Amino acid sequence: MYEDKLFSGGDDKTVKIWDIETTKKIEELTGHENGVTCLAFANQELLSGSFDHYIICWDMQEIKKRILEKELMR
């Protein structure tokens, strides 16, 4: 959990971001080639690990921008 959002990773190779209040998916991050096995937060970054043997560092400021842009388009 980060701020008012829940993050989940799964066998579909994505990291999903959920709004806790509405329980709706608000963003989906793609980049792994296999199932996502772990998530961690450090220094304003989201780190995702996968069975593909890679760790991806996602910038939380960039994720916030993407979420805001989608909200504005609705």
PDB file of N, CA and C in Angstrom:
ATOM      1  N   MET A   1       0.834  -1.170   0.000  1.00  0.00           N
ATOM      2  CA  MET A   1       0.000   0.000   0.000  1.00  0.00           C
ATOM      3  C   MET A   1       0.886   1.243   0.000  1.00  0.00           C
ATOM      4  N   TYR A   2       0.487   2.227  -0.772  1.00  0.00           N
ATOM      5  CA  TYR A   2       1.217   3.477  -0.869  1.00  0.00           C
ATOM      6  C   TYR A   2       0.186   4.585  -0.967  1.00  0.00           C
ATOM      7  N   GLU A   3       0.234   5.504  -0.022  1.00  0.00           N
ATOM      8  CA  GLU A   3      -0.777   6.559   0.080  1.00  0.00           C
ATOM      9  C   GLU A   3      -2.149   5.902   0.153  1.00  0.00           C
ATOM     10  N   ASP A   4      -3.060   6.208  -0.758  1.00  0.00           N
ATOM     11  CA  ASP A   4      -4.396   5.611  -0.719  1.00  0.00           C
ATOM     12  C   ASP A   4      -4.588   4.579  -1.825  1.00  0.00           C
ATOM     13  N   LYS A   5      -3.478   3.934  -2.223  1.00  0.00           N
ATOM     14  CA  LYS A   5      -3.525   2.971  -3.315  1.00  0.00           C
ATOM     15  C   LYS A   5      -2.950   1.623  -2.880  1.00  0.00           C
ATOM     16  N   LEU A   6      -3.487   0.574  -3.486  1.00  0.00           N
ATOM     17  CA  LEU A   6      -3.011  -0.777  -3.246  1.00  0.00           C
ATOM     18  C   LEU A   6      -2.337  -1.261  -4.525  1.00  0.00           C
ATOM     19  N   PHE A   7      -1.203  -1.904  -4.389  1.00  0.00           N
ATOM     20  CA  PHE A   7      -0.442  -2.405  -5.532  1.00  0.00           C
ATOM     21  C   PHE A   7      -0.441  -3.925  -5.485  1.00  0.00           C
ATOM     22  N   SER A   8      -0.633  -4.563  -6.647  1.00  0.00           N
ATOM     23  CA  SER A   8      -0.592  -6.023  -6.698  1.00  0.00           C
ATOM     24  C   SER A   8       0.151  -6.462  -7.954  1.00  0.00           C
ATOM     25  N   GLY A   9       0.829  -7.573  -7.851  1.00  0.00           N
ATOM     26  CA  GLY A   9       1.509  -8.160  -8.996  1.00  0.00           C
ATOM     27  C   GLY A   9       1.043  -9.588  -9.144  1.00  0.00           C
ATOM     28  N   GLY A  10       1.066 -10.096 -10.380  1.00  0.00           N
ATOM     29  CA  GLY A  10       0.553 -11.449 -10.558  1.00  0.00           C
ATOM     30  C   GLY A  10       1.141 -12.175 -11.740  1.00  0.00           C
ATOM     31  N   ASP A  11       0.584 -13.342 -11.997  1.00  0.00           N
ATOM     32  CA  ASP A  11       1.048 -14.198 -13.083  1.00  0.00           C
ATOM     33  C   ASP A  11       0.790 -13.608 -14.474  1.00  0.00           C
ATOM     34  N   ASP A  12      -0.028 -12.572 -14.562  1.00  0.00           N
ATOM     35  CA  ASP A  12      -0.305 -11.955 -15.860  1.00  0.00           C
ATOM     36  C   ASP A  12       0.787 -10.969 -16.278  1.00  0.00           C
ATOM     37  N   LYS A  13       1.913 -10.938 -15.550  1.00  0.00           N
ATOM     38  CA  LYS A  13       3.100 -10.140 -15.870  1.00  0.00           C
ATOM     39  C   LYS A  13       2.920  -8.648 -15.606  1.00  0.00           C
ATOM     40  N   THR A  14       1.884  -8.247 -14.895  1.00  0.00           N
ATOM     41  CA  THR A  14       1.616  -6.825 -14.676  1.00  0.00           C
ATOM     42  C   THR A  14       1.609  -6.481 -13.196  1.00  0.00           C
ATOM     43  N   VAL A  15       1.772  -5.184 -12.945  1.00  0.00           N
ATOM     44  CA  VAL A  15       1.557  -4.605 -11.618  1.00  0.00           C
ATOM     45  C   VAL A  15       0.292  -3.767 -11.752  1.00  0.00           C
ATOM     46  N   LYS A  16      -0.683  -4.066 -10.936  1.00  0.00           N
ATOM     47  CA  LYS A  16      -1.938  -3.321 -10.978  1.00  0.00           C
ATOM     48  C   LYS A  16      -1.995  -2.383  -9.777  1.00  0.00           C
ATOM     49  N   ILE A  17      -2.580  -1.208 -10.012  1.00  0.00           N
ATOM     50  CA  ILE A  17      -2.747  -0.210  -8.958  1.00  0.00           C
ATOM     51  C   ILE A  17      -4.243   0.005  -8.765  1.00  0.00           C
ATOM     52  N   TRP A  18      -4.675  -0.102  -7.509  1.00  0.00           N
ATOM     53  CA  TRP A  18      -6.089  -0.041  -7.166  1.00  0.00           C
ATOM     54  C   TRP A  18      -6.363   1.151  -6.249  1.00  0.00           C
ATOM     55  N   ASP A  19      -7.487   1.804  -6.448  1.00  0.00           N
ATOM     56  CA  ASP A  19      -7.949   2.843  -5.537  1.00  0.00           C
ATOM     57  C   ASP A  19      -8.650   2.146  -4.379  1.00  0.00           C
ATOM     58  N   ILE A  20      -8.193   2.367  -3.173  1.00  0.00           N
ATOM     59  CA  ILE A  20      -8.740   1.661  -2.015  1.00  0.00           C
ATOM     60  C   ILE A  20     -10.190   2.069  -1.743  1.00  0.00           C
ATOM     61  N   GLU A  21     -10.515   3.343  -1.921  1.00  0.00           N
ATOM     62  CA  GLU A  21     -11.876   3.808  -1.627  1.00  0.00           C
ATOM     63  C   GLU A  21     -12.899   3.243  -2.595  1.00  0.00           C
ATOM     64  N   THR A  22     -12.583   3.272  -3.901  1.00  0.00           N
ATOM     65  CA  THR A  22     -13.554   2.830  -4.910  1.00  0.00           C
ATOM     66  C   THR A  22     -13.395   1.363  -5.277  1.00  0.00           C
ATOM     67  N   THR A  23     -12.290   0.748  -4.902  1.00  0.00           N
ATOM     68  CA  THR A  23     -11.921  -0.634  -5.241  1.00  0.00           C
ATOM     69  C   THR A  23     -11.763  -0.847  -6.748  1.00  0.00           C
ATOM     70  N   LYS A  24     -11.536   0.225  -7.496  1.00  0.00           N
ATOM     71  CA  LYS A  24     -11.359   0.123  -8.951  1.00  0.00           C
ATOM     72  C   LYS A  24      -9.880   0.153  -9.312  1.00  0.00           C
ATOM     73  N   LYS A  25      -9.557  -0.563 -10.386  1.00  0.00           N
ATOM     74  CA  LYS A  25      -8.192  -0.534 -10.912  1.00  0.00           C
ATOM     75  C   LYS A  25      -7.989   0.803 -11.610  1.00  0.00           C
ATOM     76  N   ILE A  26      -6.916   1.511 -11.251  1.00  0.00           N
ATOM     77  CA  ILE A  26      -6.691   2.824 -11.833  1.00  0.00           C
ATOM     78  C   ILE A  26      -5.464   2.874 -12.745  1.00  0.00           C
ATOM     79  N   GLU A  27      -4.624   1.847 -12.700  1.00  0.00           N
ATOM     80  CA  GLU A  27      -3.446   1.826 -13.578  1.00  0.00           C
ATOM     81  C   GLU A  27      -2.911   0.401 -13.645  1.00  0.00           C
ATOM     82  N   GLU A  28      -2.245   0.103 -14.744  1.00  0.00           N
ATOM     83  CA  GLU A  28      -1.615  -1.194 -14.931  1.00  0.00           C
ATOM     84  C   GLU A  28      -0.241  -0.966 -15.543  1.00  0.00           C
ATOM     85  N   LEU A  29       0.786  -1.506 -14.897  1.00  0.00           N
ATOM     86  CA  LEU A  29       2.159  -1.332 -15.360  1.00  0.00           C
ATOM     87  C   LEU A  29       2.629  -2.623 -16.024  1.00  0.00           C
ATOM     88  N   THR A  30       3.170  -2.508 -17.221  1.00  0.00           N
ATOM     89  CA  THR A  30       3.670  -3.676 -17.941  1.00  0.00           C
ATOM     90  C   THR A  30       5.161  -3.514 -18.183  1.00  0.00           C
ATOM     91  N   GLY A  31       5.863  -4.619 -18.266  1.00  0.00           N
ATOM     92  CA  GLY A  31       7.293  -4.560 -18.514  1.00  0.00           C
ATOM     93  C   GLY A  31       7.990  -5.883 -18.239  1.00  0.00           C
ATOM     94  N   HIS A  32       7.365  -6.714 -17.426  1.00  0.00           N
ATOM     95  CA  HIS A  32       7.961  -8.012 -17.125  1.00  0.00           C
ATOM     96  C   HIS A  32       7.577  -9.030 -18.191  1.00  0.00           C
ATOM     97  N   GLU A  33       8.410 -10.038 -18.332  1.00  0.00           N
ATOM     98  CA  GLU A  33       8.159 -11.103 -19.301  1.00  0.00           C
ATOM     99  C   GLU A  33       7.636 -12.373 -18.636  1.00  0.00           C
ATOM    100  N   ASN A  34       7.455 -12.327 -17.328  1.00  0.00           N
ATOM    101  CA  ASN A  34       6.926 -13.471 -16.589  1.00  0.00           C
ATOM    102  C   ASN A  34       6.198 -12.925 -15.364  1.00  0.00           C
ATOM    103  N   GLY A  35       5.618 -13.802 -14.555  1.00  0.00           N
ATOM    104  CA  GLY A  35       4.822 -13.387 -13.411  1.00  0.00           C
ATOM    105  C   GLY A  35       5.580 -12.524 -12.409  1.00  0.00           C
ATOM    106  N   VAL A  36       4.893 -11.524 -11.884  1.00  0.00           N
ATOM    107  CA  VAL A  36       5.461 -10.629 -10.872  1.00  0.00           C
ATOM    108  C   VAL A  36       5.348 -11.319  -9.515  1.00  0.00           C
ATOM    109  N   THR A  37       6.466 -11.415  -8.818  1.00  0.00           N
ATOM    110  CA  THR A  37       6.499 -12.161  -7.564  1.00  0.00           C
ATOM    111  C   THR A  37       6.648 -11.296  -6.320  1.00  0.00           C
ATOM    112  N   CYS A  38       7.158 -10.059  -6.472  1.00  0.00           N
ATOM    113  CA  CYS A  38       7.335  -9.220  -5.282  1.00  0.00           C
ATOM    114  C   CYS A  38       7.303  -7.747  -5.647  1.00  0.00           C
ATOM    115  N   LEU A  39       6.900  -6.941  -4.664  1.00  0.00           N
ATOM    116  CA  LEU A  39       6.838  -5.489  -4.798  1.00  0.00           C
ATOM    117  C   LEU A  39       7.434  -4.861  -3.550  1.00  0.00           C
ATOM    118  N   ALA A  40       8.114  -3.728  -3.731  1.00  0.00           N
ATOM    119  CA  ALA A  40       8.673  -2.995  -2.588  1.00  0.00           C
ATOM    120  C   ALA A  40       8.735  -1.512  -2.950  1.00  0.00           C
ATOM    121  N   PHE A  41       8.723  -0.663  -1.922  1.00  0.00           N
ATOM    122  CA  PHE A  41       8.844   0.781  -2.107  1.00  0.00           C
ATOM    123  C   PHE A  41      10.129   1.257  -1.447  1.00  0.00           C
ATOM    124  N   ALA A  42      10.862   2.134  -2.146  1.00  0.00           N
ATOM    125  CA  ALA A  42      12.078   2.731  -1.583  1.00  0.00           C
ATOM    126  C   ALA A  42      12.405   4.004  -2.351  1.00  0.00           C
ATOM    127  N   ASN A  43      12.687   5.078  -1.637  1.00  0.00           N
ATOM    128  CA  ASN A  43      13.153   6.334  -2.254  1.00  0.00           C
ATOM    129  C   ASN A  43      12.269   6.806  -3.405  1.00  0.00           C
ATOM    130  N   GLN A  44      10.976   6.871  -3.168  1.00  0.00           N
ATOM    131  CA  GLN A  44      10.016   7.337  -4.183  1.00  0.00           C
ATOM    132  C   GLN A  44      10.009   6.460  -5.435  1.00  0.00           C
ATOM    133  N   GLU A  45      10.337   5.182  -5.276  1.00  0.00           N
ATOM    134  CA  GLU A  45      10.289   4.238  -6.381  1.00  0.00           C
ATOM    135  C   GLU A  45       9.525   2.987  -5.955  1.00  0.00           C
ATOM    136  N   LEU A  46       8.875   2.385  -6.929  1.00  0.00           N
ATOM    137  CA  LEU A  46       8.266   1.080  -6.753  1.00  0.00           C
ATOM    138  C   LEU A  46       9.193   0.083  -7.428  1.00  0.00           C
ATOM    139  N   LEU A  47       9.561  -0.960  -6.730  1.00  0.00           N
ATOM    140  CA  LEU A  47      10.417  -2.002  -7.287  1.00  0.00           C
ATOM    141  C   LEU A  47       9.572  -3.255  -7.458  1.00  0.00           C
ATOM    142  N   SER A  48       9.614  -3.839  -8.658  1.00  0.00           N
ATOM    143  CA  SER A  48       8.881  -5.082  -8.902  1.00  0.00           C
ATOM    144  C   SER A  48       9.858  -6.152  -9.365  1.00  0.00           C
ATOM    145  N   GLY A  49       9.734  -7.324  -8.768  1.00  0.00           N
ATOM    146  CA  GLY A  49      10.567  -8.466  -9.131  1.00  0.00           C
ATOM    147  C   GLY A  49       9.714  -9.530  -9.791  1.00  0.00           C
ATOM    148  N   SER A  50      10.345 -10.344 -10.633  1.00  0.00           N
ATOM    149  CA  SER A  50       9.588 -11.294 -11.427  1.00  0.00           C
ATOM    150  C   SER A  50      10.351 -12.595 -11.623  1.00  0.00           C
ATOM    151  N   PHE A  51       9.610 -13.618 -12.055  1.00  0.00           N
ATOM    152  CA  PHE A  51      10.230 -14.884 -12.434  1.00  0.00           C
ATOM    153  C   PHE A  51      11.139 -14.716 -13.654  1.00  0.00           C
ATOM    154  N   ASP A  52      11.065 -13.569 -14.341  1.00  0.00           N
ATOM    155  CA  ASP A  52      11.944 -13.335 -15.488  1.00  0.00           C
ATOM    156  C   ASP A  52      13.361 -12.930 -15.057  1.00  0.00           C
ATOM    157  N   HIS A  53      13.598 -12.909 -13.739  1.00  0.00           N
ATOM    158  CA  HIS A  53      14.912 -12.600 -13.142  1.00  0.00           C
ATOM    159  C   HIS A  53      15.309 -11.136 -13.295  1.00  0.00           C
ATOM    160  N   TYR A  54      14.328 -10.258 -13.429  1.00  0.00           N
ATOM    161  CA  TYR A  54      14.598  -8.818 -13.517  1.00  0.00           C
ATOM    162  C   TYR A  54      13.867  -8.091 -12.401  1.00  0.00           C
ATOM    163  N   ILE A  55      14.430  -6.966 -12.014  1.00  0.00           N
ATOM    164  CA  ILE A  55      13.777  -6.037 -11.097  1.00  0.00           C
ATOM    165  C   ILE A  55      13.591  -4.739 -11.873  1.00  0.00           C
ATOM    166  N   ILE A  56      12.371  -4.238 -11.885  1.00  0.00           N
ATOM    167  CA  ILE A  56      12.090  -2.965 -12.569  1.00  0.00           C
ATOM    168  C   ILE A  56      11.855  -1.902 -11.511  1.00  0.00           C
ATOM    169  N   CYS A  57      12.492  -0.749 -11.682  1.00  0.00           N
ATOM    170  CA  CYS A  57      12.305   0.415 -10.815  1.00  0.00           C
ATOM    171  C   CYS A  57      11.334   1.369 -11.500  1.00  0.00           C
ATOM    172  N   TRP A  58      10.200   1.592 -10.888  1.00  0.00           N
ATOM    173  CA  TRP A  58       9.173   2.490 -11.413  1.00  0.00           C
ATOM    174  C   TRP A  58       9.210   3.774 -10.597  1.00  0.00           C
ATOM    175  N   ASP A  59       9.290   4.910 -11.245  1.00  0.00           N
ATOM    176  CA  ASP A  59       9.302   6.216 -10.579  1.00  0.00           C
ATOM    177  C   ASP A  59       7.886   6.551 -10.115  1.00  0.00           C
ATOM    178  N   MET A  60       7.685   6.731  -8.817  1.00  0.00           N
ATOM    179  CA  MET A  60       6.359   7.011  -8.282  1.00  0.00           C
ATOM    180  C   MET A  60       5.800   8.336  -8.778  1.00  0.00           C
ATOM    181  N   GLN A  61       6.644   9.321  -9.028  1.00  0.00           N
ATOM    182  CA  GLN A  61       6.154  10.594  -9.561  1.00  0.00           C
ATOM    183  C   GLN A  61       5.581  10.398 -10.967  1.00  0.00           C
ATOM    184  N   GLU A  62       6.233   9.564 -11.766  1.00  0.00           N
ATOM    185  CA  GLU A  62       5.741   9.282 -13.112  1.00  0.00           C
ATOM    186  C   GLU A  62       4.426   8.498 -13.057  1.00  0.00           C
ATOM    187  N   ILE A  63       4.334   7.566 -12.131  1.00  0.00           N
ATOM    188  CA  ILE A  63       3.093   6.806 -11.969  1.00  0.00           C
ATOM    189  C   ILE A  63       1.954   7.739 -11.570  1.00  0.00           C
ATOM    190  N   LYS A  64       2.217   8.661 -10.641  1.00  0.00           N
ATOM    191  CA  LYS A  64       1.194   9.631 -10.228  1.00  0.00           C
ATOM    192  C   LYS A  64       0.729  10.469 -11.406  1.00  0.00           C
ATOM    193  N   LYS A  65       1.662  10.881 -12.282  1.00  0.00           N
ATOM    194  CA  LYS A  65       1.296  11.654 -13.479  1.00  0.00           C
ATOM    195  C   LYS A  65       0.395  10.842 -14.395  1.00  0.00           C
ATOM    196  N   ARG A  66       0.743   9.559 -14.599  1.00  0.00           N
ATOM    197  CA  ARG A  66      -0.065   8.701 -15.470  1.00  0.00           C
ATOM    198  C   ARG A  66      -1.478   8.544 -14.926  1.00  0.00           C
ATOM    199  N   ILE A  67      -1.591   8.357 -13.610  1.00  0.00           N
ATOM    200  CA  ILE A  67      -2.907   8.206 -12.992  1.00  0.00           C
ATOM    201  C   ILE A  67      -3.712   9.494 -13.133  1.00  0.00           C
ATOM    202  N   LEU A  68      -3.079  10.632 -12.895  1.00  0.00           N
ATOM    203  CA  LEU A  68      -3.775  11.913 -13.021  1.00  0.00           C
ATOM    204  C   LEU A  68      -4.231  12.160 -14.458  1.00  0.00           C
ATOM    205  N   GLU A  69      -3.394  11.846 -15.442  1.00  0.00           N
ATOM    206  CA  GLU A  69      -3.762  12.022 -16.844  1.00  0.00           C
ATOM    207  C   GLU A  69      -4.989  11.176 -17.184  1.00  0.00           C
ATOM    208  N   LYS A  70      -5.025   9.934 -16.714  1.00  0.00           N
ATOM    209  CA  LYS A  70      -6.187   9.079 -16.977  1.00  0.00           C
ATOM    210  C   LYS A  70      -7.439   9.630 -16.319  1.00  0.00           C
ATOM    211  N   GLU A  71      -7.302  10.150 -15.105  1.00  0.00           N
ATOM    212  CA  GLU A  71      -8.457  10.738 -14.422  1.00  0.00           C
ATOM    213  C   GLU A  71      -8.980  11.942 -15.186  1.00  0.00           C
ATOM    214  N   LEU A  72      -8.073  12.774 -15.699  1.00  0.00           N
ATOM    215  CA  LEU A  72      -8.479  13.962 -16.438  1.00  0.00           C
ATOM    216  C   LEU A  72      -9.151  13.594 -17.764  1.00  0.00           C
ATOM    217  N   MET A  73      -8.729  12.492 -18.384  1.00  0.00           N
ATOM    218  CA  MET A  73      -9.349  12.062 -19.655  1.00  0.00           C
ATOM    219  C   MET A  73     -10.758  11.543 -19.444  1.00  0.00           C
ATOM    220  N   ARG A  74     -11.056  11.033 -18.233  1.00  0.00           N
ATOM    221  CA  ARG A  74     -12.416  10.555 -17.956  1.00  0.00           C
ATOM    222  C   ARG A  74     -13.306  11.733 -17.811  1.00  0.00           C
TER     223      ARG A  74
END
